[in-house]
Amino acid sequence: MRGTHSNVFAWLILQVLKGITTANCAYLPTKMAGLLRFSSLAPKTKNVVVAGGLTVFVFGVYFYTMRAVGGTDELQVAIDKFEDLKSKQEADTGMGSKA
């Protein structure tokens, strides 16, 4: 079944490259009907749909990545440890030079 969809996708790309629009392709599978309805929308509506889809994709990738790394910011933890160590060293050297 997957091969059929990839063949249809490859065929569709070839047709678009040849200059044939999807509106002329009446024999596309029924699952491609959503793509045909997209062409009947107003240009601003198409832009909103595309922008919404891209926004959802970006947030999905962000949250997936944060979940994959465990939600901890390792760089910030390392910076905090370095600053603590530096402040302790400065406090130790500051006390020794005054005495």
Protein backbone atom coordinates (compact mmCIF):
# COMPACT_ATOMS: atom_id res chain seq x y z
CA MET A 1 0.00 0.00 0.00
CA ARG A 2 2.88 2.35 0.77
CA GLY A 3 4.34 1.84 -2.68
CA THR A 4 1.09 2.98 -4.26
CA HIS A 5 1.12 6.28 -2.39
CA SER A 6 4.78 6.93 -3.19
CA ASN A 7 4.11 6.14 -6.86
CA VAL A 8 1.19 8.58 -6.88
CA PHE A 9 3.35 11.19 -5.18
CA ALA A 10 6.14 10.73 -7.75
CA TRP A 11 3.59 10.90 -10.57
CA LEU A 12 2.07 14.08 -9.09
CA ILE A 13 5.50 15.74 -8.89
CA LEU A 14 6.20 14.85 -12.50
CA GLN A 15 2.85 16.28 -13.59
CA VAL A 16 3.41 19.51 -11.70
CA LEU A 17 6.87 19.81 -13.22
CA LYS A 18 5.31 19.38 -16.66
CA GLY A 19 2.95 22.24 -15.87
CA ILE A 20 -0.23 20.23 -15.36
CA THR A 21 -2.16 21.44 -12.31
CA THR A 22 -3.78 19.11 -9.81
CA ALA A 23 -7.20 20.43 -10.82
CA ASN A 24 -6.79 18.64 -14.17
CA CYS A 25 -5.95 15.31 -12.47
CA ALA A 26 -9.44 13.86 -12.00
CA TYR A 27 -8.18 10.31 -11.45
CA LEU A 28 -6.13 10.91 -8.30
CA PRO A 29 -6.86 8.61 -5.34
CA THR A 30 -9.55 9.74 -2.94
CA LYS A 31 -6.98 10.46 -0.21
CA MET A 32 -5.62 13.28 -2.37
CA ALA A 33 -9.04 14.98 -2.39
CA GLY A 34 -8.00 17.22 0.52
CA LEU A 35 -5.20 18.64 -1.61
CA LEU A 36 -7.69 19.49 -4.35
CA ARG A 37 -9.94 21.32 -1.88
CA PHE A 38 -6.97 23.40 -0.73
CA SER A 39 -6.68 24.98 -4.18
CA SER A 40 -10.20 26.42 -3.93
CA LEU A 41 -9.34 28.54 -0.87
CA ALA A 42 -8.54 32.25 -1.00
CA PRO A 43 -4.83 33.13 -1.05
CA LYS A 44 -4.87 34.62 2.46
CA THR A 45 -6.62 31.53 3.78
CA LYS A 46 -4.00 29.33 2.16
CA ASN A 47 -1.29 31.40 3.83
CA VAL A 48 -2.99 31.02 7.22
CA VAL A 49 -3.31 27.25 6.75
CA VAL A 50 0.35 26.92 5.73
CA ALA A 51 1.52 29.18 8.58
CA GLY A 52 -0.55 27.19 11.06
CA GLY A 53 0.84 23.92 9.78
CA LEU A 54 4.42 25.18 10.00
CA THR A 55 3.85 26.55 13.49
CA VAL A 56 2.43 23.24 14.67
CA PHE A 57 5.38 21.43 13.12
CA VAL A 58 7.96 23.70 14.78
CA PHE A 59 6.33 23.42 18.21
CA GLY A 60 6.02 19.67 17.77
CA VAL A 61 9.73 19.36 17.00
CA TYR A 62 10.59 21.63 19.94
CA PHE A 63 8.53 19.69 22.47
CA TYR A 64 9.70 16.35 21.10
CA THR A 65 13.32 17.49 21.43
CA MET A 66 12.79 18.78 24.97
CA ARG A 67 11.18 15.49 25.96
CA ALA A 68 13.98 13.52 24.30
CA VAL A 69 16.71 15.33 26.23
CA GLY A 70 14.83 15.04 29.51
CA GLY A 71 13.82 18.67 29.80
CA THR A 72 17.05 19.73 31.55
CA ASP A 73 19.17 22.51 30.21
CA GLU A 74 22.61 20.98 30.66
CA LEU A 75 24.42 24.08 29.47
CA GLN A 76 22.68 26.28 32.03
CA VAL A 77 23.48 23.78 34.82
CA ALA A 78 27.17 23.81 33.79
CA ILE A 79 27.22 27.62 33.73
CA ASP A 80 25.66 27.79 37.20
CA LYS A 81 28.24 25.33 38.60
CA PHE A 82 31.08 27.32 37.01
CA GLU A 83 29.79 30.60 38.47
CA ASP A 84 29.43 29.03 41.92
CA LEU A 85 32.97 27.65 41.75
CA LYS A 86 34.31 30.99 40.54
CA SER A 87 32.57 32.94 43.31
CA LYS A 88 33.91 30.50 45.94
CA GLN A 89 37.45 30.87 44.57
CA GLU A 90 37.15 34.66 44.58
CA ALA A 91 35.86 34.60 48.15
CA ASP A 92 38.77 32.34 49.23
CA THR A 93 41.43 34.46 47.50
CA GLY A 94 39.81 37.68 48.74
CA MET A 95 39.93 36.52 52.36
CA GLY A 96 43.57 35.34 52.08
CA SER A 97 44.88 38.62 50.66
CA LYS A 98 43.25 40.77 53.36
CA ALA A 99 44.75 38.81 56.25
